[in-house]
Structures are given as C-alpha cells and as structure tokens.
C-alpha atoms as a PDB file:
ATOM      1  CA  MET A   1      -0.013   0.036  -0.043  1.00  0.00           C
ATOM      2  CA  PRO A   2       1.364   3.374  -0.984  1.00  0.00           C
ATOM      3  CA  GLU A   3       2.542   5.437   2.013  1.00  0.00           C
ATOM      4  CA  ALA A   4       0.190   8.382   1.385  1.00  0.00           C
ATOM      5  CA  LEU A   5      -2.827   6.199   1.222  1.00  0.00           C
ATOM      6  CA  ARG A   6      -1.772   4.227   4.442  1.00  0.00           C
ATOM      7  CA  ALA A   7      -1.316   7.673   6.088  1.00  0.00           C
ATOM      8  CA  ALA A   8      -4.774   8.742   4.915  1.00  0.00           C
ATOM      9  CA  ALA A   9      -6.333   5.569   6.261  1.00  0.00           C
ATOM     10  CA  LEU A  10      -4.682   6.035   9.541  1.00  0.00           C
ATOM     11  CA  ARG A  11      -5.922   9.500   9.968  1.00  0.00           C
ATOM     12  CA  LEU A  12      -9.299   8.638   9.001  1.00  0.00           C
ATOM     13  CA  GLY A  13      -9.242   5.690  11.601  1.00  0.00           C
ATOM     14  CA  HIS A  14      -7.908   8.050  14.215  1.00  0.00           C
ATOM     15  CA  TRP A  15     -10.680  10.651  13.491  1.00  0.00           C
ATOM     16  CA  LEU A  16     -13.414   8.085  13.451  1.00  0.00           C
ATOM     17  CA  GLY A  17     -12.342   6.757  16.688  1.00  0.00           C
ATOM     18  CA  HIS A  18     -12.796  10.100  18.490  1.00  0.00           C
ATOM     19  CA  ASP A  19     -16.338  11.039  18.088  1.00  0.00           C
ATOM     20  CA  GLY A  20     -15.974  11.215  14.399  1.00  0.00           C
ATOM     21  CA  VAL A  21     -18.455   8.349  13.948  1.00  0.00           C
ATOM     22  CA  TRP A  22     -21.294  10.869  14.580  1.00  0.00           C
ATOM     23  CA  TRP A  23     -19.951  13.030  11.753  1.00  0.00           C
ATOM     24  CA  GLY A  24     -19.591   9.987   9.557  1.00  0.00           C
ATOM     25  CA  LEU A  25     -23.184   8.946  10.355  1.00  0.00           C
ATOM     26  CA  GLY A  26     -24.584  12.483   9.811  1.00  0.00           C
ATOM     27  CA  LEU A  27     -22.682  12.796   6.580  1.00  0.00           C
ATOM     28  CA  SER A  28     -24.027   9.341   5.359  1.00  0.00           C
ATOM     29  CA  ILE A  29     -27.689  10.298   6.137  1.00  0.00           C
ATOM     30  CA  VAL A  30     -27.275  13.693   4.301  1.00  0.00           C
ATOM     31  CA  MET A  31     -25.689  12.097   1.278  1.00  0.00           C
ATOM     32  CA  GLY A  32     -28.448   9.258   1.241  1.00  0.00           C
ATOM     33  CA  VAL A  33     -31.186  11.812   1.346  1.00  0.00           C
ATOM     34  CA  GLY A  34     -29.375  14.260  -1.129  1.00  0.00           C
ATOM     35  CA  THR A  35     -28.891  11.454  -3.753  1.00  0.00           C
ATOM     36  CA  LEU A  36     -32.607  10.397  -3.335  1.00  0.00           C
ATOM     37  CA  ALA A  37     -33.791  13.837  -3.940  1.00  0.00           C
ATOM     38  CA  ILE A  38     -31.460  14.575  -6.834  1.00  0.00           C
ATOM     39  CA  ALA A  39     -32.408  11.158  -8.461  1.00  0.00           C
ATOM     40  CA  THR A  40     -36.208  11.909  -7.987  1.00  0.00           C
ATOM     41  CA  ALA A  41     -35.744  15.453  -9.520  1.00  0.00           C
ATOM     42  CA  VAL A  42     -33.995  13.947 -12.582  1.00  0.00           C
ATOM     43  CA  VAL A  43     -36.354  11.049 -13.268  1.00  0.00           C
ATOM     44  CA  VAL A  44     -39.406  13.498 -12.698  1.00  0.00           C
ATOM     45  CA  ALA A  45     -37.956  16.010 -15.059  1.00  0.00           C
ATOM     46  CA  TRP A  46     -37.291  13.522 -18.013  1.00  0.00           C
ATOM     47  CA  PRO A  47     -39.953  13.902 -20.703  1.00  0.00           C
ATOM     48  CA  ALA A  48     -42.119  10.791 -21.235  1.00  0.00           C
ATOM     49  CA  THR A  49     -40.720  10.236 -24.765  1.00  0.00           C
ATOM     50  CA  ARG A  50     -37.067  10.359 -23.541  1.00  0.00           C
ATOM     51  CA  PHE A  51     -36.359   6.759 -24.449  1.00  0.00           C
ATOM     52  CA  THR A  52     -38.547   6.481 -27.591  1.00  0.00           C
ATOM     53  CA  HIS A  53     -36.448   8.531 -30.129  1.00  0.00           C
ATOM     54  CA  ASP A  54     -32.893   9.683 -30.537  1.00  0.00           C
ATOM     55  CA  PRO A  55     -32.387  13.403 -29.551  1.00  0.00           C
ATOM     56  CA  LEU A  56     -32.075  15.905 -32.349  1.00  0.00           C
ATOM     57  CA  PRO A  57     -28.580  17.549 -32.701  1.00  0.00           C
ATOM     58  CA  SER A  58     -28.324  20.835 -30.924  1.00  0.00           C
ATOM     59  CA  GLN A  59     -28.246  24.264 -32.940  1.00  0.00           C
ATOM     60  CA  ASN A  60     -25.660  25.705 -30.411  1.00  0.00           C
ATOM     61  CA  HIS A  61     -22.162  26.772 -31.517  1.00  0.00           C
ATOM     62  CA  VAL A  62     -19.672  23.908 -31.888  1.00  0.00           C
ATOM     63  CA  VAL A  63     -17.593  25.160 -28.909  1.00  0.00           C
ATOM     64  CA  VAL A  64     -20.640  25.370 -26.610  1.00  0.00           C
ATOM     65  CA  ARG A  65     -21.576  21.796 -27.792  1.00  0.00           C
ATOM     66  CA  ALA A  66     -18.224  20.468 -27.027  1.00  0.00           C
ATOM     67  CA  VAL A  67     -17.946  22.093 -23.549  1.00  0.00           C
ATOM     68  CA  ALA A  68     -21.417  20.790 -22.833  1.00  0.00           C
ATOM     69  CA  ALA A  69     -20.638  17.303 -24.028  1.00  0.00           C
ATOM     70  CA  VAL A  70     -17.271  17.133 -21.913  1.00  0.00           C
ATOM     71  CA  ALA A  71     -19.164  18.431 -18.779  1.00  0.00           C
ATOM     72  CA  ARG A  72     -22.078  15.937 -19.240  1.00  0.00           C
ATOM     73  CA  ASN A  73     -19.825  13.064 -19.805  1.00  0.00           C
ATOM     74  CA  LEU A  74     -17.725  13.919 -16.793  1.00  0.00           C
ATOM     75  CA  LEU A  75     -20.880  14.206 -14.655  1.00  0.00           C
ATOM     76  CA  GLY A  76     -22.208  11.001 -16.042  1.00  0.00           C
ATOM     77  CA  VAL A  77     -19.033   8.989 -15.177  1.00  0.00           C
ATOM     78  CA  VAL A  78     -18.984  10.564 -11.702  1.00  0.00           C
ATOM     79  CA  LEU A  79     -22.522   9.490 -11.043  1.00  0.00           C
ATOM     80  CA  LEU A  80     -21.896   5.996 -12.492  1.00  0.00           C
ATOM     81  CA  VAL A  81     -19.007   5.472  -9.839  1.00  0.00           C
ATOM     82  CA  VAL A  82     -20.995   7.192  -7.183  1.00  0.00           C
ATOM     83  CA  GLY A  83     -23.918   4.775  -8.039  1.00  0.00           C
ATOM     84  CA  LEU A  84     -21.627   1.859  -8.010  1.00  0.00           C
ATOM     85  CA  VAL A  85     -20.490   2.634  -4.510  1.00  0.00           C
ATOM     86  CA  MET A  86     -24.018   3.191  -3.168  1.00  0.00           C
ATOM     87  CA  ALA A  87     -24.925  -0.032  -4.768  1.00  0.00           C
ATOM     88  CA  LEU A  88     -22.636  -1.743  -2.251  1.00  0.00           C
ATOM     89  CA  PRO A  89     -24.341  -3.318   0.879  1.00  0.00           C
ATOM     90  CA  GLY A  90     -24.227  -0.969   3.858  1.00  0.00           C
ATOM     91  CA  VAL A  91     -23.718   2.238   1.784  1.00  0.00           C
ATOM     92  CA  PRO A  92     -26.798   4.552   1.815  1.00  0.00           C
ATOM     93  CA  GLY A  93     -28.314   5.963  -1.526  1.00  0.00           C
ATOM     94  CA  GLN A  94     -30.086   4.955  -4.653  1.00  0.00           C
ATOM     95  CA  GLY A  95     -27.305   3.119  -6.346  1.00  0.00           C
ATOM     96  CA  VAL A  96     -29.014   1.666  -9.214  1.00  0.00           C
ATOM     97  CA  LEU A  97     -31.003   4.861  -9.959  1.00  0.00           C
ATOM     98  CA  THR A  98     -27.939   6.849  -9.827  1.00  0.00           C
ATOM     99  CA  MET A  99     -26.037   4.597 -12.252  1.00  0.00           C
ATOM    100  CA  ILE A 100     -28.888   4.839 -14.750  1.00  0.00           C
ATOM    101  CA  ILE A 101     -28.892   8.499 -14.596  1.00  0.00           C
ATOM    102  CA  GLY A 102     -25.154   8.585 -15.021  1.00  0.00           C
ATOM    103  CA  LEU A 103     -25.551   6.149 -17.973  1.00  0.00           C
ATOM    104  CA  THR A 104     -27.981   8.623 -19.602  1.00  0.00           C
ATOM    105  CA  LEU A 105     -25.495  11.327 -19.403  1.00  0.00           C
ATOM    106  CA  VAL A 106     -22.570   9.553 -20.869  1.00  0.00           C
ATOM    107  CA  ASP A 107     -22.156   9.357 -24.732  1.00  0.00           C
ATOM    108  CA  PHE A 108     -20.818   6.117 -26.278  1.00  0.00           C
ATOM    109  CA  PRO A 109     -22.022   3.763 -29.048  1.00  0.00           C
ATOM    110  CA  GLY A 110     -25.033   1.699 -28.279  1.00  0.00           C
ATOM    111  CA  LYS A 111     -25.949   3.741 -25.391  1.00  0.00           C
ATOM    112  CA  ARG A 112     -29.763   4.211 -26.406  1.00  0.00           C
ATOM    113  CA  ARG A 113     -30.133   0.435 -27.040  1.00  0.00           C
ATOM    114  CA  ILE A 114     -28.768  -0.414 -23.507  1.00  0.00           C
ATOM    115  CA  GLU A 115     -31.035   2.527 -21.821  1.00  0.00           C
ATOM    116  CA  ARG A 116     -34.119   0.964 -23.579  1.00  0.00           C
ATOM    117  CA  ARG A 117     -33.112  -2.509 -22.658  1.00  0.00           C
ATOM    118  CA  LEU A 118     -32.867  -1.685 -18.942  1.00  0.00           C
ATOM    119  CA  LEU A 119     -35.875   0.269 -18.847  1.00  0.00           C
ATOM    120  CA  LYS A 120     -38.024  -2.367 -20.319  1.00  0.00           C
ATOM    121  CA  HIS A 121     -37.486  -4.400 -17.237  1.00  0.00           C
ATOM    122  CA  PRO A 122     -40.615  -4.259 -15.211  1.00  0.00           C
ATOM    123  CA  ARG A 123     -38.792  -4.192 -11.943  1.00  0.00           C
ATOM    124  CA  LEU A 124     -37.107  -1.062 -12.936  1.00  0.00           C
ATOM    125  CA  LEU A 125     -39.791   0.616 -15.077  1.00  0.00           C
ATOM    126  CA  GLY A 126     -42.680   0.115 -12.683  1.00  0.00           C
ATOM    127  CA  PRO A 127     -41.052   1.923  -9.736  1.00  0.00           C
ATOM    128  CA  ILE A 128     -39.832   4.881 -12.018  1.00  0.00           C
ATOM    129  CA  ASN A 129     -43.476   5.242 -13.429  1.00  0.00           C
ATOM    130  CA  LYS A 130     -44.946   5.113 -10.004  1.00  0.00           C
ATOM    131  CA  LEU A 131     -42.537   7.945  -8.813  1.00  0.00           C
ATOM    132  CA  ARG A 132     -43.395   9.846 -11.778  1.00  0.00           C
ATOM    133  CA  ALA A 133     -47.121   9.415 -11.152  1.00  0.00           C
ATOM    134  CA  ARG A 134     -46.788  10.955  -7.684  1.00  0.00           C
ATOM    135  CA  PHE A 135     -45.470  14.067  -9.282  1.00  0.00           C
ATOM    136  CA  ASP A 136     -48.469  14.154 -11.983  1.00  0.00           C
ATOM    137  CA  ARG A 137     -45.986  13.158 -14.740  1.00  0.00           C
ATOM    138  CA  ALA A 138     -46.721  10.840 -17.682  1.00  0.00           C
ATOM    139  CA  PRO A 139     -45.315   7.443 -17.470  1.00  0.00           C
ATOM    140  CA  LEU A 140     -42.016   6.806 -19.544  1.00  0.00           C
ATOM    141  CA  GLU A 141     -42.502   5.325 -22.895  1.00  0.00           C
ATOM    142  CA  VAL A 142     -39.951   2.727 -23.826  1.00  0.00           C
ATOM    143  CA  ASP A 143     -40.055   1.374 -27.468  1.00  0.00           C
END
C-alpha cells in the first residue's frame, strides 16, 4: 500500500475513533437523502418520450456543444462511479437509479439500446413510473 494512502487511512481511523463516528453517520444520512432527492428530480424531469427516439442535434455553437458534451460526460462518469459505490451493501443511497442517470448522461456507441433494454425491465420501469405518477408526470414510454 502506498505510504500516502496508508497515512490517509490511519488519519481517518483516528478521526472516526474520537467521536467522528457521529460526523460520519450524519454525512452518510445527508448523502443518502441528497442522492434520493436529486435522483427523484432528474427522473421526474425526464420527458415521457425520453427513451422512444434519438435526440435531435443541437443548434448551438460548436464550442458550446463541445464544452457541454465534456461536462455531461464527466458528470455521467462521476454518477456511475458514485452509484456503483452506493449499490454496495451498507452504503446509503439509490445506487442503481444513480447509475442509470449517469448512464443517460454519458455518450458512447450503443447507449440508447442499453438504456431501452434496462428500462424495459418491469422491476425498474414500474417503480420509476410510480414515482413519476406521484408528481403528476406521464409514465415513461420505452419502445
């Protein structure tokens, strides 16, 4: 183990041993509730036809499109990694939903096919549509 990583782990262990557990617990609760709120907002904001057709190309300037694409892809990768961590047992948060949101942000060949295939699964689409119904949004259409 690299020395810097070992030192960081020792500092974290020392901090958690001295009432830092309460800070860790509080941070864990805040992150769990925060990810749930953000995931809910994103899923509710999706148009019902989000997964039925490919998006039209933007009419923005090429530089604006490039910067937006890089930012969107970086955010998507971060959400995929965070979702993967939250999917582990004992880690609070909506791991699978966060990974799906991250997947929708990242651009790669075959992405739309994977999104549609995942969302056709009733165990995933059903709860998402129930959530959307609570906010008076139309159910997602998946072709």
